[in-house]
N, C-alpha and C. Protein backbone atom coordinates (compact mmCIF):
# COMPACT_ATOMS: atom_id res chain seq x y z
N MET A 1 11.14 1.35 32.19
CA MET A 1 10.43 2.49 31.68
C MET A 1 11.31 3.30 30.72
N LYS A 2 12.56 3.58 31.17
CA LYS A 2 13.49 4.33 30.34
C LYS A 2 13.85 3.55 29.08
N LEU A 3 13.96 2.24 29.19
CA LEU A 3 14.27 1.38 28.05
C LEU A 3 13.18 1.47 26.99
N GLN A 4 11.92 1.48 27.41
CA GLN A 4 10.81 1.58 26.46
C GLN A 4 10.83 2.93 25.75
N ALA A 5 11.10 4.01 26.47
CA ALA A 5 11.16 5.34 25.87
C ALA A 5 12.29 5.41 24.85
N THR A 6 13.44 4.83 25.17
CA THR A 6 14.57 4.81 24.26
C THR A 6 14.23 4.01 23.00
N LYS A 7 13.57 2.89 23.18
CA LYS A 7 13.17 2.05 22.05
C LYS A 7 12.22 2.82 21.12
N ARG A 8 11.22 3.50 21.72
CA ARG A 8 10.27 4.29 20.93
C ARG A 8 10.99 5.42 20.21
N HIS A 9 11.94 6.04 20.88
CA HIS A 9 12.69 7.14 20.26
C HIS A 9 13.46 6.63 19.05
N ARG A 10 14.13 5.47 19.19
CA ARG A 10 14.86 4.88 18.07
C ARG A 10 13.93 4.57 16.90
N GLN A 11 12.75 4.02 17.19
CA GLN A 11 11.78 3.71 16.14
C GLN A 11 11.34 4.97 15.43
N THR A 12 11.06 6.02 16.17
CA THR A 12 10.64 7.29 15.58
C THR A 12 11.73 7.87 14.70
N VAL A 13 12.96 7.87 15.20
CA VAL A 13 14.09 8.39 14.42
C VAL A 13 14.27 7.57 13.15
N SER A 14 14.14 6.27 13.26
CA SER A 14 14.28 5.40 12.09
C SER A 14 13.23 5.72 11.03
N ILE A 15 12.00 5.93 11.45
CA ILE A 15 10.92 6.25 10.50
C ILE A 15 11.19 7.60 9.85
N VAL A 16 11.62 8.58 10.63
CA VAL A 16 11.91 9.90 10.09
C VAL A 16 13.01 9.82 9.03
N PHE A 17 14.08 9.08 9.30
CA PHE A 17 15.15 8.95 8.32
C PHE A 17 14.68 8.20 7.07
N MET A 18 13.84 7.19 7.23
CA MET A 18 13.32 6.46 6.08
C MET A 18 12.49 7.38 5.19
N VAL A 19 11.59 8.15 5.78
CA VAL A 19 10.75 9.06 5.01
C VAL A 19 11.61 10.14 4.34
N ALA A 20 12.58 10.69 5.08
CA ALA A 20 13.46 11.70 4.51
C ALA A 20 14.24 11.13 3.33
N GLY A 21 14.70 9.89 3.47
CA GLY A 21 15.42 9.24 2.38
C GLY A 21 14.56 9.04 1.15
N LEU A 22 13.32 8.64 1.36
CA LEU A 22 12.41 8.47 0.23
C LEU A 22 12.15 9.80 -0.46
N PHE A 23 11.97 10.87 0.31
CA PHE A 23 11.79 12.20 -0.28
C PHE A 23 13.01 12.60 -1.10
N TRP A 24 14.20 12.33 -0.57
CA TRP A 24 15.42 12.67 -1.26
C TRP A 24 15.51 11.93 -2.59
N ILE A 25 15.17 10.65 -2.57
CA ILE A 25 15.23 9.86 -3.79
C ILE A 25 14.26 10.41 -4.83
N ILE A 26 13.06 10.74 -4.40
CA ILE A 26 12.06 11.27 -5.33
C ILE A 26 12.49 12.61 -5.88
N ALA A 27 12.96 13.49 -5.00
CA ALA A 27 13.31 14.84 -5.40
C ALA A 27 14.52 14.88 -6.33
N SER A 28 15.47 13.97 -6.14
CA SER A 28 16.70 14.02 -6.91
C SER A 28 16.73 13.02 -8.06
N SER A 29 15.66 12.30 -8.25
CA SER A 29 15.67 11.25 -9.26
C SER A 29 15.49 11.82 -10.66
N ALA A 30 16.25 11.27 -11.60
CA ALA A 30 16.12 11.66 -12.98
C ALA A 30 15.31 10.62 -13.76
N VAL A 31 14.69 9.70 -13.04
CA VAL A 31 13.91 8.63 -13.67
C VAL A 31 12.59 9.19 -14.17
N ALA A 32 12.15 8.75 -15.34
CA ALA A 32 10.88 9.21 -15.90
C ALA A 32 9.70 8.70 -15.09
N GLN A 33 8.58 9.40 -15.22
CA GLN A 33 7.35 8.98 -14.54
C GLN A 33 6.94 7.60 -15.04
N VAL A 34 6.33 6.82 -14.17
CA VAL A 34 5.86 5.50 -14.51
C VAL A 34 4.39 5.60 -14.90
N ASP A 35 3.99 4.95 -15.99
CA ASP A 35 2.59 4.90 -16.35
C ASP A 35 1.94 3.78 -15.57
N CYS A 36 1.00 4.14 -14.72
CA CYS A 36 0.34 3.15 -13.87
C CYS A 36 -0.92 2.66 -14.56
N VAL A 37 -0.98 1.37 -14.75
CA VAL A 37 -2.14 0.75 -15.36
C VAL A 37 -2.88 -0.01 -14.28
N GLY A 38 -4.16 0.27 -14.14
CA GLY A 38 -4.96 -0.40 -13.11
C GLY A 38 -5.16 -1.87 -13.42
N ALA A 39 -5.26 -2.66 -12.35
CA ALA A 39 -5.48 -4.10 -12.50
C ALA A 39 -6.96 -4.38 -12.71
N ASN A 40 -7.25 -5.58 -13.12
CA ASN A 40 -8.64 -6.01 -13.21
C ASN A 40 -9.26 -6.04 -11.82
N ALA A 41 -10.57 -6.15 -11.77
CA ALA A 41 -11.25 -6.23 -10.48
C ALA A 41 -10.78 -7.48 -9.73
N LEU A 42 -10.60 -7.31 -8.44
CA LEU A 42 -10.20 -8.44 -7.59
C LEU A 42 -11.45 -9.07 -7.00
N LYS A 43 -11.50 -10.39 -7.03
CA LYS A 43 -12.64 -11.12 -6.47
C LYS A 43 -12.29 -11.55 -5.06
N VAL A 44 -13.13 -11.15 -4.10
CA VAL A 44 -12.89 -11.48 -2.69
C VAL A 44 -14.19 -11.91 -2.04
N SER A 45 -14.08 -12.74 -1.02
CA SER A 45 -15.28 -13.16 -0.30
C SER A 45 -15.61 -12.18 0.83
N ARG A 46 -14.59 -11.45 1.29
CA ARG A 46 -14.80 -10.43 2.32
C ARG A 46 -13.76 -9.33 2.11
N VAL A 47 -14.06 -8.15 2.63
CA VAL A 47 -13.18 -7.00 2.42
C VAL A 47 -12.33 -6.80 3.67
N GLN A 48 -11.12 -7.31 3.60
CA GLN A 48 -10.17 -7.18 4.71
C GLN A 48 -8.77 -7.24 4.14
N GLY A 49 -7.83 -6.63 4.85
CA GLY A 49 -6.46 -6.67 4.38
C GLY A 49 -5.57 -5.71 5.12
N GLN A 50 -4.47 -5.34 4.44
CA GLN A 50 -3.49 -4.44 5.01
C GLN A 50 -3.04 -3.44 3.96
N VAL A 51 -2.61 -2.26 4.43
CA VAL A 51 -2.07 -1.22 3.57
C VAL A 51 -0.57 -1.11 3.86
N PHE A 52 0.23 -1.04 2.78
CA PHE A 52 1.69 -1.01 2.90
C PHE A 52 2.26 0.14 2.08
N ASP A 53 3.51 0.53 2.42
CA ASP A 53 4.24 1.45 1.56
C ASP A 53 4.93 0.61 0.49
N ILE A 54 5.71 1.26 -0.37
CA ILE A 54 6.32 0.54 -1.50
C ILE A 54 7.36 -0.49 -1.08
N THR A 55 7.87 -0.36 0.14
CA THR A 55 8.89 -1.31 0.61
C THR A 55 8.30 -2.45 1.42
N GLY A 56 6.98 -2.47 1.57
CA GLY A 56 6.33 -3.55 2.30
C GLY A 56 6.13 -3.28 3.77
N VAL A 57 6.35 -2.04 4.21
CA VAL A 57 6.13 -1.66 5.61
C VAL A 57 4.68 -1.23 5.77
N ALA A 58 4.02 -1.73 6.81
CA ALA A 58 2.62 -1.39 7.06
C ALA A 58 2.46 0.12 7.27
N VAL A 59 1.37 0.68 6.74
CA VAL A 59 1.10 2.11 6.86
C VAL A 59 0.07 2.34 7.96
N HIS A 60 0.50 2.95 9.02
CA HIS A 60 -0.37 3.30 10.15
C HIS A 60 -1.13 4.58 9.81
N GLY A 61 -2.42 4.61 10.08
CA GLY A 61 -3.21 5.82 9.90
C GLY A 61 -3.71 6.06 8.49
N ALA A 62 -3.58 5.09 7.60
CA ALA A 62 -4.13 5.25 6.25
C ALA A 62 -5.66 5.25 6.35
N VAL A 63 -6.30 6.05 5.52
CA VAL A 63 -7.76 6.08 5.49
C VAL A 63 -8.20 5.19 4.34
N VAL A 64 -8.98 4.18 4.68
CA VAL A 64 -9.48 3.22 3.70
C VAL A 64 -10.99 3.41 3.61
N SER A 65 -11.48 3.62 2.39
CA SER A 65 -12.92 3.83 2.18
C SER A 65 -13.45 2.77 1.24
N LEU A 66 -14.68 2.38 1.47
CA LEU A 66 -15.37 1.44 0.60
C LEU A 66 -16.47 2.22 -0.11
N VAL A 67 -16.43 2.25 -1.44
CA VAL A 67 -17.34 3.07 -2.24
C VAL A 67 -18.18 2.17 -3.13
N LYS A 68 -19.48 2.41 -3.15
CA LYS A 68 -20.40 1.67 -4.02
C LYS A 68 -21.24 2.68 -4.78
N GLU A 69 -21.23 2.56 -6.10
CA GLU A 69 -21.99 3.45 -6.98
C GLU A 69 -21.68 4.92 -6.69
N GLY A 70 -20.40 5.21 -6.49
CA GLY A 70 -19.95 6.58 -6.29
C GLY A 70 -20.15 7.16 -4.90
N LYS A 71 -20.72 6.39 -3.99
CA LYS A 71 -20.98 6.88 -2.64
C LYS A 71 -20.21 6.04 -1.62
N SER A 72 -19.55 6.75 -0.70
CA SER A 72 -18.80 6.06 0.35
C SER A 72 -19.77 5.34 1.28
N THR A 73 -19.57 4.04 1.47
CA THR A 73 -20.45 3.27 2.35
C THR A 73 -19.83 3.07 3.73
N ALA A 74 -18.49 3.15 3.81
CA ALA A 74 -17.81 2.95 5.09
C ALA A 74 -16.39 3.49 4.98
N GLN A 75 -15.82 3.83 6.15
CA GLN A 75 -14.46 4.33 6.19
C GLN A 75 -13.76 3.75 7.42
N PHE A 76 -12.46 3.52 7.28
CA PHE A 76 -11.69 2.89 8.35
C PHE A 76 -10.30 3.51 8.36
N ARG A 77 -9.73 3.74 9.52
CA ARG A 77 -8.35 4.22 9.66
C ARG A 77 -7.50 3.04 10.16
N THR A 78 -6.44 2.74 9.43
CA THR A 78 -5.61 1.58 9.77
C THR A 78 -4.84 1.81 11.06
N GLY A 79 -4.58 0.70 11.76
CA GLY A 79 -3.78 0.73 12.98
C GLY A 79 -2.32 0.54 12.66
N ALA A 80 -1.54 0.20 13.68
CA ALA A 80 -0.08 0.06 13.55
C ALA A 80 0.32 -0.98 12.51
N SER A 81 -0.48 -2.02 12.34
CA SER A 81 -0.15 -3.06 11.37
C SER A 81 -0.79 -2.83 10.00
N GLY A 82 -1.41 -1.67 9.81
CA GLY A 82 -1.99 -1.33 8.51
C GLY A 82 -3.26 -2.08 8.17
N GLN A 83 -3.87 -2.76 9.13
CA GLN A 83 -5.02 -3.61 8.84
C GLN A 83 -6.32 -2.82 8.74
N PHE A 84 -7.22 -3.35 7.89
CA PHE A 84 -8.57 -2.82 7.75
C PHE A 84 -9.53 -3.98 7.53
N GLN A 85 -10.80 -3.74 7.80
CA GLN A 85 -11.83 -4.76 7.59
C GLN A 85 -13.19 -4.07 7.48
N PHE A 86 -13.99 -4.51 6.51
CA PHE A 86 -15.34 -3.98 6.32
C PHE A 86 -16.33 -5.12 6.23
N ASN A 87 -17.54 -4.90 6.71
CA ASN A 87 -18.66 -5.81 6.45
C ASN A 87 -19.32 -5.29 5.18
N ALA A 88 -19.29 -6.08 4.13
CA ALA A 88 -19.82 -5.64 2.85
C ALA A 88 -20.71 -6.72 2.25
N ALA A 89 -21.88 -6.30 1.80
CA ALA A 89 -22.79 -7.20 1.11
C ALA A 89 -22.19 -7.55 -0.26
N PRO A 90 -22.56 -8.67 -0.84
CA PRO A 90 -22.06 -9.01 -2.17
C PRO A 90 -22.34 -7.88 -3.17
N GLY A 91 -21.40 -7.66 -4.07
CA GLY A 91 -21.56 -6.63 -5.09
C GLY A 91 -20.23 -6.07 -5.54
N ARG A 92 -20.31 -5.02 -6.36
CA ARG A 92 -19.11 -4.34 -6.87
C ARG A 92 -18.83 -3.10 -6.04
N TYR A 93 -17.56 -2.92 -5.69
CA TYR A 93 -17.13 -1.77 -4.89
C TYR A 93 -15.81 -1.24 -5.43
N VAL A 94 -15.45 -0.06 -4.97
CA VAL A 94 -14.11 0.47 -5.15
C VAL A 94 -13.55 0.69 -3.75
N LEU A 95 -12.39 0.14 -3.50
CA LEU A 95 -11.69 0.33 -2.23
C LEU A 95 -10.66 1.42 -2.47
N LYS A 96 -10.73 2.49 -1.68
CA LYS A 96 -9.78 3.60 -1.80
C LYS A 96 -8.95 3.64 -0.54
N ALA A 97 -7.65 3.68 -0.71
CA ALA A 97 -6.73 3.77 0.43
C ALA A 97 -5.82 4.97 0.18
N GLU A 98 -5.68 5.81 1.23
CA GLU A 98 -4.82 6.98 1.08
C GLU A 98 -4.18 7.36 2.40
N ALA A 99 -3.01 7.96 2.28
CA ALA A 99 -2.26 8.44 3.44
C ALA A 99 -1.39 9.60 2.96
N PRO A 100 -1.07 10.54 3.86
CA PRO A 100 -0.21 11.65 3.45
C PRO A 100 1.09 11.15 2.84
N VAL A 101 1.58 11.86 1.85
CA VAL A 101 2.82 11.58 1.13
C VAL A 101 2.63 10.55 0.01
N PHE A 102 1.70 9.64 0.13
CA PHE A 102 1.51 8.56 -0.84
C PHE A 102 0.43 8.89 -1.86
N GLN A 103 0.50 8.20 -3.01
CA GLN A 103 -0.57 8.28 -3.99
C GLN A 103 -1.71 7.38 -3.55
N ARG A 104 -2.92 7.83 -3.78
CA ARG A 104 -4.09 7.04 -3.40
C ARG A 104 -4.17 5.79 -4.28
N SER A 105 -4.67 4.75 -3.68
CA SER A 105 -4.89 3.49 -4.39
C SER A 105 -6.38 3.27 -4.53
N ASP A 106 -6.84 3.03 -5.75
CA ASP A 106 -8.24 2.69 -6.02
C ASP A 106 -8.26 1.28 -6.59
N VAL A 107 -8.97 0.40 -5.91
CA VAL A 107 -9.03 -1.01 -6.31
C VAL A 107 -10.48 -1.40 -6.52
N GLU A 108 -10.79 -1.93 -7.68
CA GLU A 108 -12.14 -2.42 -7.92
C GLU A 108 -12.26 -3.82 -7.33
N LEU A 109 -13.33 -4.02 -6.56
CA LEU A 109 -13.56 -5.31 -5.91
C LEU A 109 -14.90 -5.89 -6.33
N ILE A 110 -14.93 -7.20 -6.47
CA ILE A 110 -16.17 -7.94 -6.63
C ILE A 110 -16.27 -8.81 -5.38
N VAL A 111 -17.22 -8.45 -4.52
CA VAL A 111 -17.36 -9.13 -3.23
C VAL A 111 -18.43 -10.20 -3.33
N GLY A 112 -18.13 -11.39 -2.87
CA GLY A 112 -19.09 -12.48 -2.88
C GLY A 112 -18.39 -13.82 -2.87
N ARG A 113 -19.07 -14.82 -2.42
CA ARG A 113 -18.51 -16.18 -2.39
C ARG A 113 -18.52 -16.76 -3.79
N SER A 114 -17.44 -17.43 -4.12
CA SER A 114 -17.36 -18.14 -5.40
C SER A 114 -16.47 -19.35 -5.19
N LEU A 115 -16.43 -20.20 -6.18
CA LEU A 115 -15.59 -21.39 -6.08
C LEU A 115 -14.11 -21.00 -5.94
N SER A 116 -13.71 -19.92 -6.62
CA SER A 116 -12.30 -19.52 -6.58
C SER A 116 -11.87 -18.99 -5.22
N ASN A 117 -12.78 -18.42 -4.43
CA ASN A 117 -12.36 -17.88 -3.13
C ASN A 117 -12.97 -18.62 -1.95
N LEU A 118 -13.55 -19.78 -2.20
CA LEU A 118 -14.17 -20.56 -1.14
C LEU A 118 -13.14 -20.99 -0.08
N PHE A 119 -12.00 -21.50 -0.54
CA PHE A 119 -10.99 -21.98 0.39
C PHE A 119 -9.91 -20.94 0.68
N HIS A 120 -9.79 -19.97 -0.21
CA HIS A 120 -8.83 -18.88 -0.03
C HIS A 120 -9.61 -17.57 -0.13
N PRO A 121 -10.05 -17.02 1.00
CA PRO A 121 -10.94 -15.86 0.98
C PRO A 121 -10.34 -14.59 0.39
N GLY A 122 -9.05 -14.52 0.23
CA GLY A 122 -8.45 -13.37 -0.44
C GLY A 122 -8.26 -12.16 0.44
N THR A 123 -7.25 -12.19 1.28
CA THR A 123 -6.89 -11.03 2.06
C THR A 123 -6.20 -10.04 1.13
N LEU A 124 -6.66 -8.79 1.14
CA LEU A 124 -6.11 -7.77 0.26
C LEU A 124 -4.80 -7.23 0.81
N ARG A 125 -3.85 -7.02 -0.08
CA ARG A 125 -2.60 -6.36 0.25
C ARG A 125 -2.51 -5.16 -0.68
N VAL A 126 -2.63 -3.98 -0.10
CA VAL A 126 -2.67 -2.74 -0.88
C VAL A 126 -1.35 -2.00 -0.68
N ILE A 127 -0.67 -1.69 -1.79
CA ILE A 127 0.58 -0.92 -1.74
C ILE A 127 0.27 0.47 -2.27
N LEU A 128 0.53 1.49 -1.45
CA LEU A 128 0.32 2.86 -1.87
C LEU A 128 1.49 3.32 -2.73
N GLY A 129 1.20 4.03 -3.81
CA GLY A 129 2.23 4.52 -4.71
C GLY A 129 3.00 5.68 -4.11
N LEU A 130 4.07 6.08 -4.79
CA LEU A 130 4.91 7.14 -4.26
C LEU A 130 5.47 7.99 -5.40
N GLY A 131 5.15 9.26 -5.37
CA GLY A 131 5.77 10.26 -6.23
C GLY A 131 5.76 10.02 -7.73
N GLY A 132 4.82 9.29 -8.25
CA GLY A 132 4.79 9.04 -9.69
C GLY A 132 5.84 8.06 -10.17
N LEU A 133 6.72 7.64 -9.28
CA LEU A 133 7.77 6.70 -9.64
C LEU A 133 7.38 5.26 -9.32
N PHE A 134 6.47 5.13 -8.37
CA PHE A 134 6.02 3.81 -7.95
C PHE A 134 4.50 3.82 -7.93
N CYS A 135 3.90 2.90 -8.66
CA CYS A 135 2.45 2.84 -8.78
C CYS A 135 1.81 2.19 -7.56
N SER A 136 0.58 2.58 -7.29
CA SER A 136 -0.23 1.89 -6.29
C SER A 136 -0.63 0.54 -6.88
N ARG A 137 -0.64 -0.46 -6.06
CA ARG A 137 -1.00 -1.81 -6.51
C ARG A 137 -1.80 -2.51 -5.42
N ALA A 138 -2.54 -3.54 -5.80
CA ALA A 138 -3.27 -4.37 -4.84
C ALA A 138 -3.33 -5.79 -5.37
N THR A 139 -3.33 -6.72 -4.44
CA THR A 139 -3.39 -8.13 -4.80
C THR A 139 -3.96 -8.93 -3.64
N THR A 140 -4.41 -10.13 -3.94
CA THR A 140 -4.81 -11.07 -2.89
C THR A 140 -3.77 -12.18 -2.76
N SER A 141 -2.75 -12.13 -3.60
CA SER A 141 -1.71 -13.15 -3.62
C SER A 141 -0.50 -12.71 -2.81
N ASN A 142 -0.11 -13.49 -1.80
CA ASN A 142 1.07 -13.18 -1.02
C ASN A 142 2.32 -13.25 -1.90
N TRP A 143 2.38 -14.22 -2.80
CA TRP A 143 3.51 -14.36 -3.70
C TRP A 143 3.65 -13.11 -4.57
N GLU A 144 2.56 -12.64 -5.15
CA GLU A 144 2.59 -11.45 -6.00
C GLU A 144 2.99 -10.21 -5.18
N PHE A 145 2.46 -10.10 -3.97
CA PHE A 145 2.82 -8.99 -3.09
C PHE A 145 4.32 -8.98 -2.83
N GLN A 146 4.89 -10.13 -2.46
CA GLN A 146 6.33 -10.21 -2.20
C GLN A 146 7.14 -9.83 -3.43
N LYS A 147 6.67 -10.24 -4.60
CA LYS A 147 7.34 -9.91 -5.86
C LYS A 147 7.32 -8.40 -6.09
N MET A 148 6.18 -7.75 -5.86
CA MET A 148 6.07 -6.30 -6.03
C MET A 148 7.01 -5.56 -5.08
N VAL A 149 7.07 -6.00 -3.84
CA VAL A 149 7.94 -5.36 -2.84
C VAL A 149 9.41 -5.54 -3.24
N ARG A 150 9.80 -6.74 -3.67
CA ARG A 150 11.19 -6.97 -4.11
C ARG A 150 11.54 -6.05 -5.28
N THR A 151 10.63 -5.94 -6.24
CA THR A 151 10.85 -5.08 -7.41
C THR A 151 11.01 -3.62 -6.98
N ASN A 152 10.13 -3.16 -6.10
CA ASN A 152 10.22 -1.77 -5.62
C ASN A 152 11.53 -1.52 -4.88
N ASN A 153 11.93 -2.45 -4.02
CA ASN A 153 13.19 -2.29 -3.29
C ASN A 153 14.39 -2.28 -4.22
N ARG A 154 14.36 -3.11 -5.25
CA ARG A 154 15.44 -3.14 -6.23
C ARG A 154 15.50 -1.80 -6.98
N ARG A 155 14.34 -1.28 -7.39
CA ARG A 155 14.29 0.01 -8.09
C ARG A 155 14.78 1.15 -7.20
N LEU A 156 14.41 1.12 -5.92
CA LEU A 156 14.88 2.14 -4.99
C LEU A 156 16.41 2.12 -4.89
N LYS A 157 16.97 0.92 -4.77
CA LYS A 157 18.42 0.76 -4.66
C LYS A 157 19.12 1.24 -5.93
N GLU A 158 18.57 0.88 -7.10
CA GLU A 158 19.15 1.31 -8.37
C GLU A 158 19.11 2.83 -8.50
N THR A 159 18.00 3.43 -8.12
CA THR A 159 17.85 4.89 -8.19
C THR A 159 18.84 5.56 -7.24
N GLU A 160 18.98 5.02 -6.05
CA GLU A 160 19.91 5.56 -5.07
C GLU A 160 21.35 5.47 -5.61
N GLU A 161 21.71 4.34 -6.20
CA GLU A 161 23.06 4.16 -6.75
C GLU A 161 23.30 5.11 -7.91
N THR A 162 22.31 5.29 -8.77
CA THR A 162 22.42 6.21 -9.90
C THR A 162 22.63 7.63 -9.40
N ASN A 163 21.85 8.03 -8.39
CA ASN A 163 21.98 9.38 -7.85
C ASN A 163 23.35 9.57 -7.18
N ALA A 164 23.86 8.54 -6.54
CA ALA A 164 25.16 8.65 -5.86
C ALA A 164 26.29 8.82 -6.88
N THR A 165 26.21 8.16 -8.04
CA THR A 165 27.26 8.26 -9.04
C THR A 165 27.16 9.57 -9.83
N GLN A 166 25.99 10.22 -9.83
CA GLN A 166 25.83 11.48 -10.55
C GLN A 166 26.34 12.68 -9.76
N LYS A 167 26.64 12.49 -8.48
CA LYS A 167 27.11 13.61 -7.65
C LYS A 167 28.56 13.89 -7.84
């Protein structure tokens, strides 16, 4: 029992330090704002996936909404693994994901079966942006997701090193 409490305490402390570190990087960064350009609509056979921060860590408690023709059709709060899932009829939607501290992600979706997603249904991986320095992104490609996370981690490290040498 005591071991579990200690483990939870360590996890909580770790998360607090990670968030504090990200705030420090944003607040002290001399890097210019990034112009975020939205991606084309993603084609998926079903609306399901996960929400992540810029480093690839799942975001617990993110609010994910499915919007059609400007009206919210459904809303979901992610669990510990950042997962979400909606039952959606074929059509065009906007998936909105948001959580405190992060920039909201708006992803245009085209839901329906097609030859391109017949064998690969397209699990969404949504990365929430941070402080104007990191854009929100979404993809159905695991390879592309891993590439985005590596790029973000590299930029975080470079920014941290730059800030350390400026002190």
